[in-house]
Amino acid sequence: MHAFEWLIGLLMGAMLLSGLARRLGVPYPTFLALGGIAIAFLPNSPNWTLEPDLALALFVAPVLLDAAFDTSTRDLRDNWLPVAMLVVAAVGVTTVAVAVVVRWLVPEMPWAAAVALGAIVAPPDAAAATAILRSVRLPYRIQKILEGESLLNDASALLIYRIAVGAAMASSLSLESIAPALTLSLIGSVVAGYVLARVVMPLLTRISDVPTAIIMQFATTFVVWIIAEKLQLSAILTIVVYAIVISRSVPMLTSARMRVPSYAVWETVVFLLNVMAFVLIGMQLRPIWSGLGDGSVRQQYCIVAGIVLVTVIVVRIVWMMCYITVVRAKLLRYGYNPERKSDVPSVKSSLLISWCGMRGIVTLAAAFALPVGFPYRDLILLTSFGVVLGTLVIQGLTLRPLIDWFALDDGDPVGQEIGWARRAALHAALEAIDGNTSPEAELLRLEYRQLLDQAESNPDGLMSSELPADPVRLQAIDAARRVLFEMRDSGEIGDDAFHRLEEEFDWAELSAAKS
C-alpha cells in the first residue's frame, strides 16, 4: 500500500510539474528529472531502481513505436544524408571522443570499458527527443531530421555497446568474429520487423471491439520487442521497421470508430510513460550515489562525469559545424535544386540540431545493464546519469530561447500541403456524389462546395478545419444533450437510455470539428 500511495503521489506531482513546464515554456522532461532527484533524497522515499531490460521494453518500445508510426518515410528519404551522418558518424565520433577523454582522465580504465561508456552516452534518446520536440516548435526540416535520428541512433550505439561489453568480458574478441554476426543482426532486424508487421496486420484489422483492439496493439508491440531480443536482433530497429510498415496500411483498414479512441489512448499512455520514465531517471541518483563510497571517490567521479558531459555536447556541435561546412561548400559548387521547397542548410539550423542532443532512458538502461563486476561500473553509472541530467537541464531549458533567438521560419510547408490535399480530397468527394439527386446529396453537395470555395481562397491551408454547417450542428447537439440531462435528472429516462443517446450525440459531435 505504501508503494501504491507513492505511485499516486508521483503521478500527481508529475502532472503539476508538466503543467508548470508548459506554463513556463520549457520542456517538461527537465522538470520531471529534477523532481525525481528531489524525491530520491526525501526521507522514507521509495528506493525504486530500473530493471534495464524492463525499462527498455516498457518505456522505449511504445514510445518508439508511436514516433515511428507518425514518421514520414518521404521526409526520411529526403533527409537521408543528415540523418545517416547523425545516426552513424556522429554516434561513432562521440563514442571515440568520450573513450579517449575517459582514458586520459582514468588511465587504468580498459579501452573496452571506455568505449562502452562512449557508446552508452553517444545517442540522444528517442523518448527524450519525442517529448521535447513536441513541446517546442521547430522548422519542419529540422524536426524531421531530429525525428529520424532519434528513431535509429540507439540501434547503432547499442551495437557498439555490445561489442565493447563483449570485448571487456571476453578474453579474446576480434572484428573478424563479430562482423558477420553484426551484419546478420542488422539485416535480420529489418526483415523481422517487416515480417512481423505483415503477420500482425490481419489480426489488428479483424478485431472490431475497441478495448480489445487497443490492448492488442500494445501487446503486439511488446511481443515484437521480446521476439527481437530473443533472436539477438536489434529490438529498436525491429520496432521502427514494424511501426513504419504498419502505419502504411492499417489506417486504411480500420474504421474511424476504432481510430479515434485508439489514437487518444496511445497519446495518453505515451505521455504517461514519458512522465514515469523521466521521474524514475531522477530517482536513480540515490542508489548510484550511495554506492560510490567515500567523498574523494565521489569528487573524482563527478569531475569525470562533468568533463564527459562537456565532451558530449561539444563533439556534437563540432561535428555538425564540420558537416555543414562540407555541405555548403558542395552547394556553392554544384547548386541546390531540391524536389520540394526546403531551407538551405545553414549554420543556425546546424547549431539548433546540435543543441537537440538530450539523453534519456536508453542511456541509463544500457548503463544499468552492464554485468556486475564490469570494469569501473560505478563510474560509468554516475557518468551516464550526469550526462542524462546535464543534457536535459542545460539543453532542455535553453532550447526554446535558442529557437526564438534564431527566428528560423520555414513558411509552414505542412500548411501548404494541407491546402493542396484538402482541395484534392474535396474535389474527389464532390465527384463521388455527382449525379445523386437525393435531398441528402444536395445538402452535402452545397456544404462541400462552400468548403471548397474556402480552400481555393486559402491555398496555404491556413483556414478553419470545420465544415460550414459545423457551428450550427454543434449548437443543435449541445441543446439536444442538455435535454437528455434534464430528462435523466427528472427520471423520465433511465441511465441505459441516456448513455446510448449520449454516445450517439458524442459521435455526431466528433464528426463536427471544433474551431
Protein backbone atom coordinates (compact mmCIF):
# COMPACT_ATOMS: atom_id res chain seq x y z
CA MET A 1 0.00 0.00 0.00
CA HIS A 2 2.91 2.33 0.77
CA ALA A 3 4.30 1.88 -2.76
CA PHE A 4 0.86 2.48 -4.25
CA GLU A 5 0.46 5.72 -2.29
CA TRP A 6 3.85 6.90 -3.51
CA LEU A 7 2.93 5.98 -7.08
CA ILE A 8 -0.26 8.06 -6.94
CA GLY A 9 1.68 10.93 -5.37
CA LEU A 10 4.35 10.72 -8.06
CA LEU A 11 1.75 10.83 -10.81
CA MET A 12 0.02 13.85 -9.29
CA GLY A 13 3.33 15.63 -8.73
CA ALA A 14 4.45 14.83 -12.28
CA MET A 15 1.24 16.31 -13.69
CA LEU A 16 1.83 19.50 -11.70
CA LEU A 17 5.44 19.72 -12.91
CA SER A 18 4.33 19.11 -16.50
CA GLY A 19 1.74 21.87 -16.22
CA LEU A 20 4.32 24.23 -14.72
CA ALA A 21 6.77 23.41 -17.52
CA ARG A 22 4.13 24.17 -20.17
CA ARG A 23 3.27 27.45 -18.47
CA LEU A 24 6.94 28.48 -18.38
CA GLY A 25 7.51 27.29 -21.96
CA VAL A 26 10.22 24.73 -21.15
CA PRO A 27 10.33 21.00 -22.00
CA TYR A 28 8.64 19.03 -19.23
CA PRO A 29 11.20 16.13 -19.07
CA THR A 30 13.70 18.52 -17.49
CA PHE A 31 11.39 19.35 -14.59
CA LEU A 32 10.42 15.71 -14.19
CA ALA A 33 14.03 14.54 -13.91
CA LEU A 34 14.79 17.27 -11.35
CA GLY A 35 11.65 16.33 -9.45
CA GLY A 36 12.78 12.70 -9.41
CA ILE A 37 16.10 13.74 -7.85
CA ALA A 38 14.33 15.74 -5.15
CA ILE A 39 12.08 12.78 -4.35
CA ALA A 40 15.02 10.37 -4.25
CA PHE A 41 16.59 12.19 -1.30
CA LEU A 42 13.40 12.70 0.70
CA PRO A 43 13.20 10.73 3.96
CA ASN A 44 11.34 7.43 3.62
CA SER A 45 11.04 7.86 -0.16
CA PRO A 46 10.83 4.63 -2.17
CA ASN A 47 14.06 3.16 -3.43
CA TRP A 48 12.90 2.16 -6.90
CA THR A 49 15.57 1.11 -9.36
CA LEU A 50 15.26 0.48 -13.06
CA GLU A 51 15.49 -3.09 -14.31
CA PRO A 52 17.40 -2.48 -17.58
CA ASP A 53 15.56 -4.96 -19.80
CA LEU A 54 12.18 -3.95 -18.38
CA ALA A 55 12.99 -0.24 -18.70
CA LEU A 56 13.83 -0.56 -22.39
CA ALA A 57 10.79 -2.68 -23.18
CA LEU A 58 8.29 -0.76 -21.05
CA PHE A 59 9.38 2.81 -21.70
CA VAL A 60 11.15 2.72 -25.06
CA ALA A 61 9.11 0.21 -27.11
CA PRO A 62 5.71 2.03 -27.05
CA VAL A 63 7.27 5.50 -27.33
CA LEU A 64 9.44 4.38 -30.24
CA LEU A 65 6.52 2.70 -32.00
CA ASP A 66 4.35 5.81 -31.56
CA ALA A 67 7.10 8.02 -33.01
CA ALA A 68 7.86 5.62 -35.87
CA PHE A 69 4.15 5.24 -36.68
CA ASP A 70 3.97 9.00 -37.34
CA THR A 71 7.26 9.13 -39.25
CA SER A 72 7.08 10.38 -42.80
CA THR A 73 9.03 7.96 -44.98
CA ARG A 74 9.13 10.63 -47.69
CA ASP A 75 10.85 13.13 -45.39
CA LEU A 76 13.14 10.43 -44.01
CA ARG A 77 14.16 9.60 -47.58
CA ASP A 78 14.63 13.27 -48.50
CA ASN A 79 16.86 13.89 -45.47
CA TRP A 80 18.70 10.56 -45.52
CA LEU A 81 22.17 12.13 -45.64
CA PRO A 82 21.98 14.33 -42.50
CA VAL A 83 20.09 11.58 -40.68
CA ALA A 84 22.72 9.00 -41.63
CA MET A 85 25.51 11.34 -40.58
CA LEU A 86 23.92 11.74 -37.15
CA VAL A 87 22.93 8.09 -36.73
CA VAL A 88 26.25 6.57 -37.80
CA ALA A 89 29.01 9.17 -37.96
CA ALA A 90 28.03 11.40 -35.03
CA VAL A 91 27.46 8.39 -32.76
CA GLY A 92 30.80 6.91 -33.79
CA VAL A 93 32.74 10.16 -33.35
CA THR A 94 31.13 10.82 -29.95
CA THR A 95 31.92 7.28 -28.80
CA VAL A 96 35.58 7.61 -29.78
CA ALA A 97 35.91 11.11 -28.28
CA VAL A 98 34.41 10.05 -24.94
CA ALA A 99 36.58 6.93 -24.82
CA VAL A 100 39.75 8.97 -25.44
CA VAL A 101 38.81 11.59 -22.84
CA VAL A 102 37.95 8.99 -20.20
CA ARG A 103 41.17 7.09 -20.83
CA TRP A 104 43.07 10.34 -20.41
CA LEU A 105 41.28 11.05 -17.11
CA VAL A 106 41.41 7.45 -15.84
CA PRO A 107 44.39 5.72 -17.48
CA GLU A 108 43.70 2.47 -15.62
CA MET A 109 40.32 2.01 -17.34
CA PRO A 110 40.45 -0.63 -20.09
CA TRP A 111 39.79 0.60 -23.60
CA ALA A 112 36.79 -1.69 -23.95
CA ALA A 113 35.16 -0.16 -20.86
CA ALA A 114 35.89 3.35 -22.11
CA VAL A 115 34.34 2.56 -25.50
CA ALA A 116 31.31 1.06 -23.74
CA LEU A 117 30.85 4.32 -21.82
CA GLY A 118 31.16 6.28 -25.06
CA ALA A 119 28.51 4.14 -26.74
CA ILE A 120 26.20 4.49 -23.72
CA VAL A 121 26.23 8.31 -23.73
CA ALA A 122 26.56 8.84 -27.50
CA PRO A 123 22.95 8.58 -28.74
CA PRO A 124 20.28 11.20 -27.98
CA ASP A 125 17.27 9.33 -26.67
CA ALA A 126 14.09 8.71 -28.65
CA ALA A 127 11.85 9.23 -25.62
CA ALA A 128 13.59 12.47 -24.64
CA ALA A 129 13.63 13.78 -28.20
CA THR A 130 9.95 12.95 -28.78
CA ALA A 131 8.84 14.52 -25.51
CA ILE A 132 10.87 17.69 -26.03
CA LEU A 133 10.30 18.14 -29.77
CA ARG A 134 6.53 18.02 -29.22
CA SER A 135 6.76 20.86 -26.70
CA VAL A 136 8.69 23.28 -28.94
CA ARG A 137 8.10 24.49 -32.49
CA LEU A 138 10.98 23.74 -34.82
CA PRO A 139 11.27 24.33 -38.56
CA TYR A 140 9.84 21.33 -40.37
CA ARG A 141 13.06 20.08 -41.97
CA ILE A 142 14.98 20.25 -38.68
CA GLN A 143 12.19 18.43 -36.90
CA LYS A 144 12.20 15.62 -39.47
CA ILE A 145 15.99 15.23 -39.24
CA LEU A 146 15.87 15.00 -35.44
CA GLU A 147 12.96 12.57 -35.52
CA GLY A 148 14.82 10.34 -37.95
CA GLU A 149 17.93 10.47 -35.79
CA SER A 150 16.03 9.64 -32.61
CA LEU A 151 14.48 6.58 -34.25
CA LEU A 152 17.71 4.96 -35.42
CA ASN A 153 20.72 6.19 -33.45
CA ASP A 154 20.07 3.93 -30.46
CA ALA A 155 20.43 0.91 -32.74
CA SER A 156 23.90 1.95 -33.94
CA ALA A 157 25.07 2.92 -30.44
CA LEU A 158 23.85 -0.31 -28.85
CA LEU A 159 25.68 -2.34 -31.50
CA ILE A 160 28.94 -0.63 -30.49
CA TYR A 161 27.97 -1.13 -26.85
CA ARG A 162 27.50 -4.89 -27.31
CA ILE A 163 30.91 -5.20 -28.99
CA ALA A 164 32.64 -3.25 -26.23
CA VAL A 165 30.96 -5.17 -23.41
CA GLY A 166 31.80 -8.47 -25.10
CA ALA A 167 35.43 -7.40 -25.54
CA ALA A 168 35.70 -6.32 -21.90
CA MET A 169 34.22 -9.56 -20.57
CA ALA A 170 35.85 -11.99 -23.03
CA SER A 171 39.47 -12.99 -23.10
CA SER A 172 39.67 -12.56 -26.86
CA LEU A 173 37.36 -10.92 -29.36
CA SER A 174 38.21 -9.99 -32.94
CA LEU A 175 36.45 -7.95 -35.57
CA GLU A 176 36.50 -10.93 -37.91
CA SER A 177 34.45 -12.96 -35.44
CA ILE A 178 31.78 -10.34 -34.76
CA ALA A 179 31.36 -8.62 -38.14
CA PRO A 180 29.22 -11.40 -39.68
CA ALA A 181 27.03 -11.53 -36.56
CA LEU A 182 26.52 -7.76 -36.60
CA THR A 183 25.66 -7.74 -40.30
CA LEU A 184 23.21 -10.58 -39.77
CA SER A 185 21.70 -8.71 -36.81
CA LEU A 186 21.07 -5.57 -38.86
CA ILE A 187 19.61 -7.38 -41.85
CA GLY A 188 17.66 -9.72 -39.59
CA SER A 189 16.14 -6.80 -37.68
CA VAL A 190 14.82 -5.19 -40.85
CA VAL A 191 13.45 -8.50 -42.15
CA ALA A 192 11.92 -9.40 -38.78
CA GLY A 193 10.22 -6.02 -38.47
CA TYR A 194 8.69 -6.35 -41.93
CA VAL A 195 7.59 -9.98 -41.49
CA LEU A 196 6.11 -9.40 -38.03
CA ALA A 197 4.17 -6.40 -39.35
CA ARG A 198 2.69 -8.49 -42.16
CA VAL A 199 1.76 -11.24 -39.70
CA VAL A 200 0.19 -8.90 -37.14
CA MET A 201 -1.74 -6.64 -39.54
CA PRO A 202 -4.56 -9.10 -40.31
CA LEU A 203 -5.01 -9.70 -36.59
CA LEU A 204 -5.21 -5.98 -35.77
CA THR A 205 -7.66 -5.19 -38.56
CA ARG A 206 -10.08 -8.03 -37.83
CA ILE A 207 -10.79 -7.05 -34.21
CA SER A 208 -13.91 -4.89 -34.02
CA ASP A 209 -14.12 -4.42 -30.25
CA VAL A 210 -12.31 -1.17 -29.41
CA PRO A 211 -10.89 -2.05 -25.95
CA THR A 212 -9.71 -5.44 -27.20
CA ALA A 213 -8.10 -3.85 -30.26
CA ILE A 214 -6.22 -1.25 -28.21
CA ILE A 215 -4.94 -3.86 -25.75
CA MET A 216 -3.85 -5.99 -28.71
CA GLN A 217 -1.94 -3.04 -30.18
CA PHE A 218 0.11 -2.63 -27.01
CA ALA A 219 0.53 -6.38 -26.53
CA THR A 220 1.85 -6.93 -30.06
CA THR A 221 4.28 -4.05 -29.61
CA PHE A 222 5.84 -5.73 -26.58
CA VAL A 223 5.75 -9.13 -28.31
CA VAL A 224 7.70 -7.75 -31.28
CA TRP A 225 10.28 -6.26 -28.91
CA ILE A 226 10.62 -9.53 -26.96
CA ILE A 227 10.93 -11.64 -30.12
CA ALA A 228 13.71 -9.37 -31.40
CA GLU A 229 15.55 -9.65 -28.08
CA LYS A 230 15.18 -13.44 -28.02
CA LEU A 231 16.59 -13.66 -31.56
CA GLN A 232 19.56 -11.43 -30.59
CA LEU A 233 18.42 -8.77 -33.06
CA SER A 234 18.23 -5.01 -32.61
CA ALA A 235 14.87 -4.57 -30.88
CA ILE A 236 14.94 -0.84 -31.62
CA LEU A 237 15.47 -1.28 -35.37
CA THR A 238 12.89 -4.08 -35.46
CA ILE A 239 10.25 -1.91 -33.78
CA VAL A 240 10.96 1.01 -36.12
CA VAL A 241 10.56 -1.11 -39.26
CA TYR A 242 7.48 -2.82 -37.79
CA ALA A 243 5.80 0.51 -36.99
CA ILE A 244 6.56 2.06 -40.38
CA VAL A 245 5.14 -0.94 -42.24
CA ILE A 246 2.04 -0.98 -40.02
CA SER A 247 1.49 2.77 -40.49
CA ARG A 248 1.35 2.43 -44.28
CA SER A 249 -1.60 0.04 -44.30
CA VAL A 250 -3.54 -0.23 -41.04
CA PRO A 251 -5.17 3.25 -41.08
CA MET A 252 -6.89 2.40 -44.38
CA LEU A 253 -8.16 -0.91 -42.99
CA THR A 254 -9.65 0.38 -39.72
CA SER A 255 -12.75 2.45 -39.09
CA ALA A 256 -12.95 5.94 -37.60
CA ARG A 257 -14.75 4.43 -34.63
CA MET A 258 -11.59 2.42 -33.95
CA ARG A 259 -9.04 5.10 -34.76
CA VAL A 260 -10.41 7.94 -32.63
CA PRO A 261 -10.24 6.18 -29.24
CA SER A 262 -7.09 4.27 -30.25
CA TYR A 263 -5.12 7.43 -31.02
CA ALA A 264 -6.39 9.08 -27.84
CA VAL A 265 -5.33 6.11 -25.68
CA TRP A 266 -1.90 5.91 -27.32
CA GLU A 267 -1.29 9.62 -26.82
CA THR A 268 -2.24 9.35 -23.15
CA VAL A 269 -0.21 6.21 -22.46
CA VAL A 270 2.89 7.54 -24.25
CA PHE A 271 2.69 10.75 -22.21
CA LEU A 272 2.30 8.72 -19.00
CA LEU A 273 5.28 6.51 -19.88
CA ASN A 274 7.40 9.59 -20.61
CA VAL A 275 6.37 11.06 -17.27
CA MET A 276 7.26 7.93 -15.32
CA ALA A 277 10.49 7.38 -17.26
CA PHE A 278 11.91 10.82 -16.52
CA VAL A 279 10.79 10.78 -12.88
CA LEU A 280 12.48 7.40 -12.44
CA ILE A 281 15.61 8.75 -14.14
CA GLY A 282 15.93 11.30 -11.37
CA MET A 283 15.27 8.70 -8.68
CA GLN A 284 18.25 6.62 -9.84
CA LEU A 285 20.72 9.09 -8.34
CA ARG A 286 20.39 7.83 -4.76
CA PRO A 287 21.41 4.19 -5.38
CA ILE A 288 24.21 5.37 -7.70
CA TRP A 289 25.44 7.96 -5.21
CA SER A 290 25.27 5.65 -2.19
CA GLY A 291 27.33 3.01 -3.99
CA LEU A 292 30.34 5.28 -4.58
CA GLY A 293 31.79 5.11 -1.07
CA ASP A 294 33.88 7.96 0.36
CA GLY A 295 33.95 11.61 -0.65
CA SER A 296 37.21 11.51 -2.61
CA VAL A 297 35.85 8.87 -4.98
CA ARG A 298 32.64 10.83 -5.44
CA GLN A 299 34.58 14.01 -6.18
CA GLN A 300 36.80 12.28 -8.74
CA TYR A 301 33.86 10.60 -10.43
CA CYS A 302 31.85 13.84 -10.53
CA ILE A 303 34.76 15.56 -12.28
CA VAL A 304 34.90 12.78 -14.85
CA ALA A 305 31.12 12.97 -15.34
CA GLY A 306 31.27 16.75 -15.83
CA ILE A 307 34.06 16.54 -18.40
CA VAL A 308 32.28 13.77 -20.30
CA LEU A 309 29.11 15.88 -20.34
CA VAL A 310 31.03 18.80 -21.87
CA THR A 311 32.68 16.42 -24.35
CA VAL A 312 29.34 15.00 -25.48
CA ILE A 313 27.87 18.48 -26.08
CA VAL A 314 30.96 19.97 -27.74
CA VAL A 315 31.65 16.99 -30.03
CA ARG A 316 28.10 17.13 -31.42
CA ILE A 317 28.46 20.85 -32.13
CA VAL A 318 31.89 20.43 -33.75
CA TRP A 319 30.64 17.53 -35.87
CA MET A 320 27.63 19.48 -37.12
CA MET A 321 29.80 22.50 -37.95
CA CYS A 322 32.21 20.32 -39.94
CA TYR A 323 29.29 18.67 -41.71
CA ILE A 324 27.58 21.96 -42.63
CA THR A 325 30.90 23.39 -43.87
CA VAL A 326 31.32 20.49 -46.30
CA VAL A 327 27.66 20.60 -47.38
CA ARG A 328 27.66 24.35 -48.01
CA ALA A 329 30.90 24.09 -49.98
CA LYS A 330 29.28 21.41 -52.13
CA LEU A 331 26.15 23.52 -52.61
CA LEU A 332 28.20 26.54 -53.68
CA ARG A 333 29.95 24.42 -56.28
CA TYR A 334 27.05 22.33 -57.63
CA GLY A 335 23.99 24.39 -56.69
CA TYR A 336 20.88 23.33 -54.80
CA ASN A 337 17.78 22.11 -56.61
CA PRO A 338 15.50 20.24 -54.17
CA GLU A 339 12.35 18.48 -55.38
CA ARG A 340 10.33 20.27 -52.70
CA LYS A 341 10.83 23.71 -51.22
CA SER A 342 13.10 23.42 -48.23
CA ASP A 343 15.51 25.55 -46.28
CA VAL A 344 19.09 25.54 -47.48
CA PRO A 345 21.21 24.09 -44.63
CA SER A 346 22.57 26.94 -42.54
CA VAL A 347 24.84 27.49 -39.58
CA LYS A 348 21.83 28.38 -37.41
CA SER A 349 19.92 25.24 -38.31
CA SER A 350 23.02 23.12 -37.70
CA LEU A 351 23.59 24.71 -34.30
CA LEU A 352 19.96 24.05 -33.43
CA ILE A 353 20.29 20.40 -34.45
CA SER A 354 23.49 20.05 -32.46
CA TRP A 355 21.80 21.51 -29.37
CA CYS A 356 18.98 18.94 -29.53
CA GLY A 357 21.10 16.18 -28.02
CA MET A 358 19.19 15.27 -24.87
CA ARG A 359 19.93 11.82 -23.46
CA GLY A 360 17.41 9.74 -21.57
CA ILE A 361 16.16 6.32 -20.57
CA VAL A 362 18.18 4.31 -23.12
CA THR A 363 21.46 5.69 -21.77
CA LEU A 364 20.56 4.82 -18.18
CA ALA A 365 19.17 1.41 -19.06
CA ALA A 366 22.31 0.49 -21.02
CA ALA A 367 24.50 1.59 -18.09
CA PHE A 368 22.47 -0.45 -15.60
CA ALA A 369 22.63 -3.46 -17.94
CA LEU A 370 26.41 -3.70 -17.52
CA PRO A 371 27.29 -7.02 -15.83
CA VAL A 372 28.21 -6.97 -12.15
CA GLY A 373 31.99 -6.86 -11.99
CA PHE A 374 32.32 -4.86 -15.21
CA PRO A 375 35.41 -2.61 -15.01
CA TYR A 376 34.59 0.79 -13.49
CA ARG A 377 30.88 0.06 -13.50
CA ASP A 378 30.14 2.65 -10.75
CA LEU A 379 31.98 5.37 -12.67
CA ILE A 380 30.06 4.52 -15.83
CA LEU A 381 26.75 4.62 -13.93
CA LEU A 382 27.41 8.04 -12.39
CA THR A 383 28.76 9.47 -15.64
CA SER A 384 25.77 8.21 -17.60
CA PHE A 385 23.39 9.76 -15.09
CA GLY A 386 25.31 13.03 -15.18
CA VAL A 387 25.12 13.19 -18.97
CA VAL A 388 21.38 12.44 -18.95
CA LEU A 389 20.62 15.03 -16.29
CA GLY A 390 23.04 17.60 -17.69
CA THR A 391 21.69 17.46 -21.23
CA LEU A 392 18.09 17.58 -20.01
CA VAL A 393 18.78 20.64 -17.84
CA ILE A 394 21.33 22.57 -19.92
CA GLN A 395 19.95 21.90 -23.38
CA GLY A 396 16.33 21.34 -22.38
CA LEU A 397 15.98 24.66 -20.55
CA THR A 398 17.78 26.69 -23.22
CA LEU A 399 16.27 25.10 -26.34
CA ARG A 400 13.21 27.34 -26.60
CA PRO A 401 15.18 30.61 -26.08
CA LEU A 402 17.65 29.43 -28.74
CA ILE A 403 14.81 28.75 -31.18
CA ASP A 404 13.33 32.19 -30.51
CA TRP A 405 16.74 33.86 -30.89
CA PHE A 406 17.49 32.19 -34.23
CA ALA A 407 13.98 33.05 -35.51
CA LEU A 408 14.04 30.35 -38.17
CA ASP A 409 10.91 30.41 -40.33
CA ASP A 410 10.24 27.72 -42.93
CA GLY A 411 6.97 29.19 -44.25
CA ASP A 412 4.83 26.36 -42.85
CA PRO A 413 5.28 23.69 -45.57
CA VAL A 414 2.82 21.41 -43.74
CA GLY A 415 0.10 24.06 -44.04
CA GLN A 416 0.72 24.34 -47.78
CA GLU A 417 0.47 20.56 -48.21
CA ILE A 418 -2.74 20.56 -46.18
CA GLY A 419 -4.15 23.13 -48.60
CA TRP A 420 -3.26 21.02 -51.65
CA ALA A 421 -4.59 17.81 -50.12
CA ARG A 422 -7.81 19.44 -48.88
CA ARG A 423 -8.69 20.74 -52.35
CA ALA A 424 -7.95 17.38 -53.98
CA ALA A 425 -9.99 15.50 -51.34
CA LEU A 426 -12.97 17.84 -51.66
CA HIS A 427 -12.97 17.52 -55.45
CA ALA A 428 -12.99 13.73 -55.05
CA ALA A 429 -15.85 13.94 -52.53
CA LEU A 430 -17.95 16.04 -54.92
CA GLU A 431 -17.25 13.68 -57.81
CA ALA A 432 -18.33 10.71 -55.66
CA ILE A 433 -21.85 12.14 -55.19
CA ASP A 434 -22.14 13.66 -58.64
CA GLY A 435 -25.40 12.54 -60.22
CA ASN A 436 -27.07 11.73 -56.91
CA THR A 437 -30.22 13.90 -56.83
CA SER A 438 -31.46 12.94 -53.37
CA PRO A 439 -32.14 15.76 -50.86
CA GLU A 440 -29.32 14.45 -48.65
CA ALA A 441 -26.84 14.61 -51.52
CA GLU A 442 -27.94 18.15 -52.43
CA LEU A 443 -27.35 19.32 -48.85
CA LEU A 444 -23.95 17.63 -48.69
CA ARG A 445 -23.01 18.97 -52.14
CA LEU A 446 -23.84 22.52 -51.02
CA GLU A 447 -21.76 22.12 -47.87
CA TYR A 448 -18.74 20.67 -49.69
CA ARG A 449 -18.86 23.36 -52.39
CA GLN A 450 -18.80 26.06 -49.73
CA LEU A 451 -15.83 24.39 -48.08
CA LEU A 452 -14.06 24.01 -51.45
CA ASP A 453 -14.53 27.73 -52.11
CA GLN A 454 -12.82 28.45 -48.79
CA ALA A 455 -10.00 26.03 -49.64
CA GLU A 456 -9.46 27.61 -53.08
CA SER A 457 -9.17 31.05 -51.48
CA ASN A 458 -6.69 29.79 -48.85
CA PRO A 459 -4.02 27.87 -50.81
CA ASP A 460 -1.64 27.90 -47.82
CA GLY A 461 -4.03 25.68 -45.87
CA LEU A 462 -4.48 28.22 -43.09
CA MET A 463 -8.25 28.03 -42.72
CA SER A 464 -10.73 26.64 -40.26
CA SER A 465 -10.91 22.84 -40.23
CA GLU A 466 -14.66 22.84 -39.64
CA LEU A 467 -17.36 22.41 -42.26
CA PRO A 468 -19.58 25.43 -42.90
CA ALA A 469 -22.52 23.90 -41.05
CA ASP A 470 -20.44 22.72 -38.07
CA PRO A 471 -21.14 25.70 -35.76
CA VAL A 472 -24.89 25.26 -36.26
CA ARG A 473 -24.57 21.49 -35.89
CA LEU A 474 -22.63 21.86 -32.62
CA GLN A 475 -25.21 24.32 -31.28
CA ALA A 476 -28.02 21.87 -32.04
CA ILE A 477 -26.14 18.94 -30.48
CA ASP A 478 -25.45 20.97 -27.34
CA ALA A 479 -29.15 21.78 -26.97
CA ALA A 480 -30.11 18.13 -27.52
CA ARG A 481 -27.60 16.99 -24.92
CA ARG A 482 -28.96 19.44 -22.33
CA VAL A 483 -32.46 17.97 -22.84
CA LEU A 484 -31.04 14.49 -22.25
CA PHE A 485 -29.51 15.59 -18.95
CA GLU A 486 -32.78 17.16 -17.86
CA MET A 487 -34.80 14.05 -18.78
CA ARG A 488 -32.41 11.82 -16.84
CA ASP A 489 -32.43 14.14 -13.81
CA SER A 490 -36.23 14.23 -13.82
CA GLY A 491 -36.47 10.44 -14.07
CA GLU A 492 -38.20 10.42 -17.48
CA ILE A 493 -35.45 8.17 -18.86
CA GLY A 494 -33.04 5.78 -17.18
CA ASP A 495 -29.26 5.72 -17.39
CA ASP A 496 -29.18 2.97 -20.03
CA ALA A 497 -31.22 5.04 -22.48
CA PHE A 498 -29.25 8.15 -21.50
CA HIS A 499 -25.84 6.60 -22.23
CA ARG A 500 -26.98 5.11 -25.56
CA LEU A 501 -28.18 8.52 -26.75
CA GLU A 502 -25.18 10.26 -25.23
CA GLU A 503 -22.88 8.06 -27.32
CA GLU A 504 -24.85 8.89 -30.49
CA PHE A 505 -24.52 12.62 -29.85
CA ASP A 506 -20.83 12.24 -28.97
CA TRP A 507 -20.13 10.66 -32.36
CA ALA A 508 -22.16 13.38 -34.05
CA GLU A 509 -20.08 15.97 -32.23
CA LEU A 510 -16.85 14.23 -33.25
CA SER A 511 -17.95 14.46 -36.88
CA ALA A 512 -18.28 18.24 -36.50
CA ALA A 513 -14.88 19.86 -35.99
CA LYS A 514 -14.49 22.48 -33.29
CA SER A 515 -12.66 25.59 -34.33
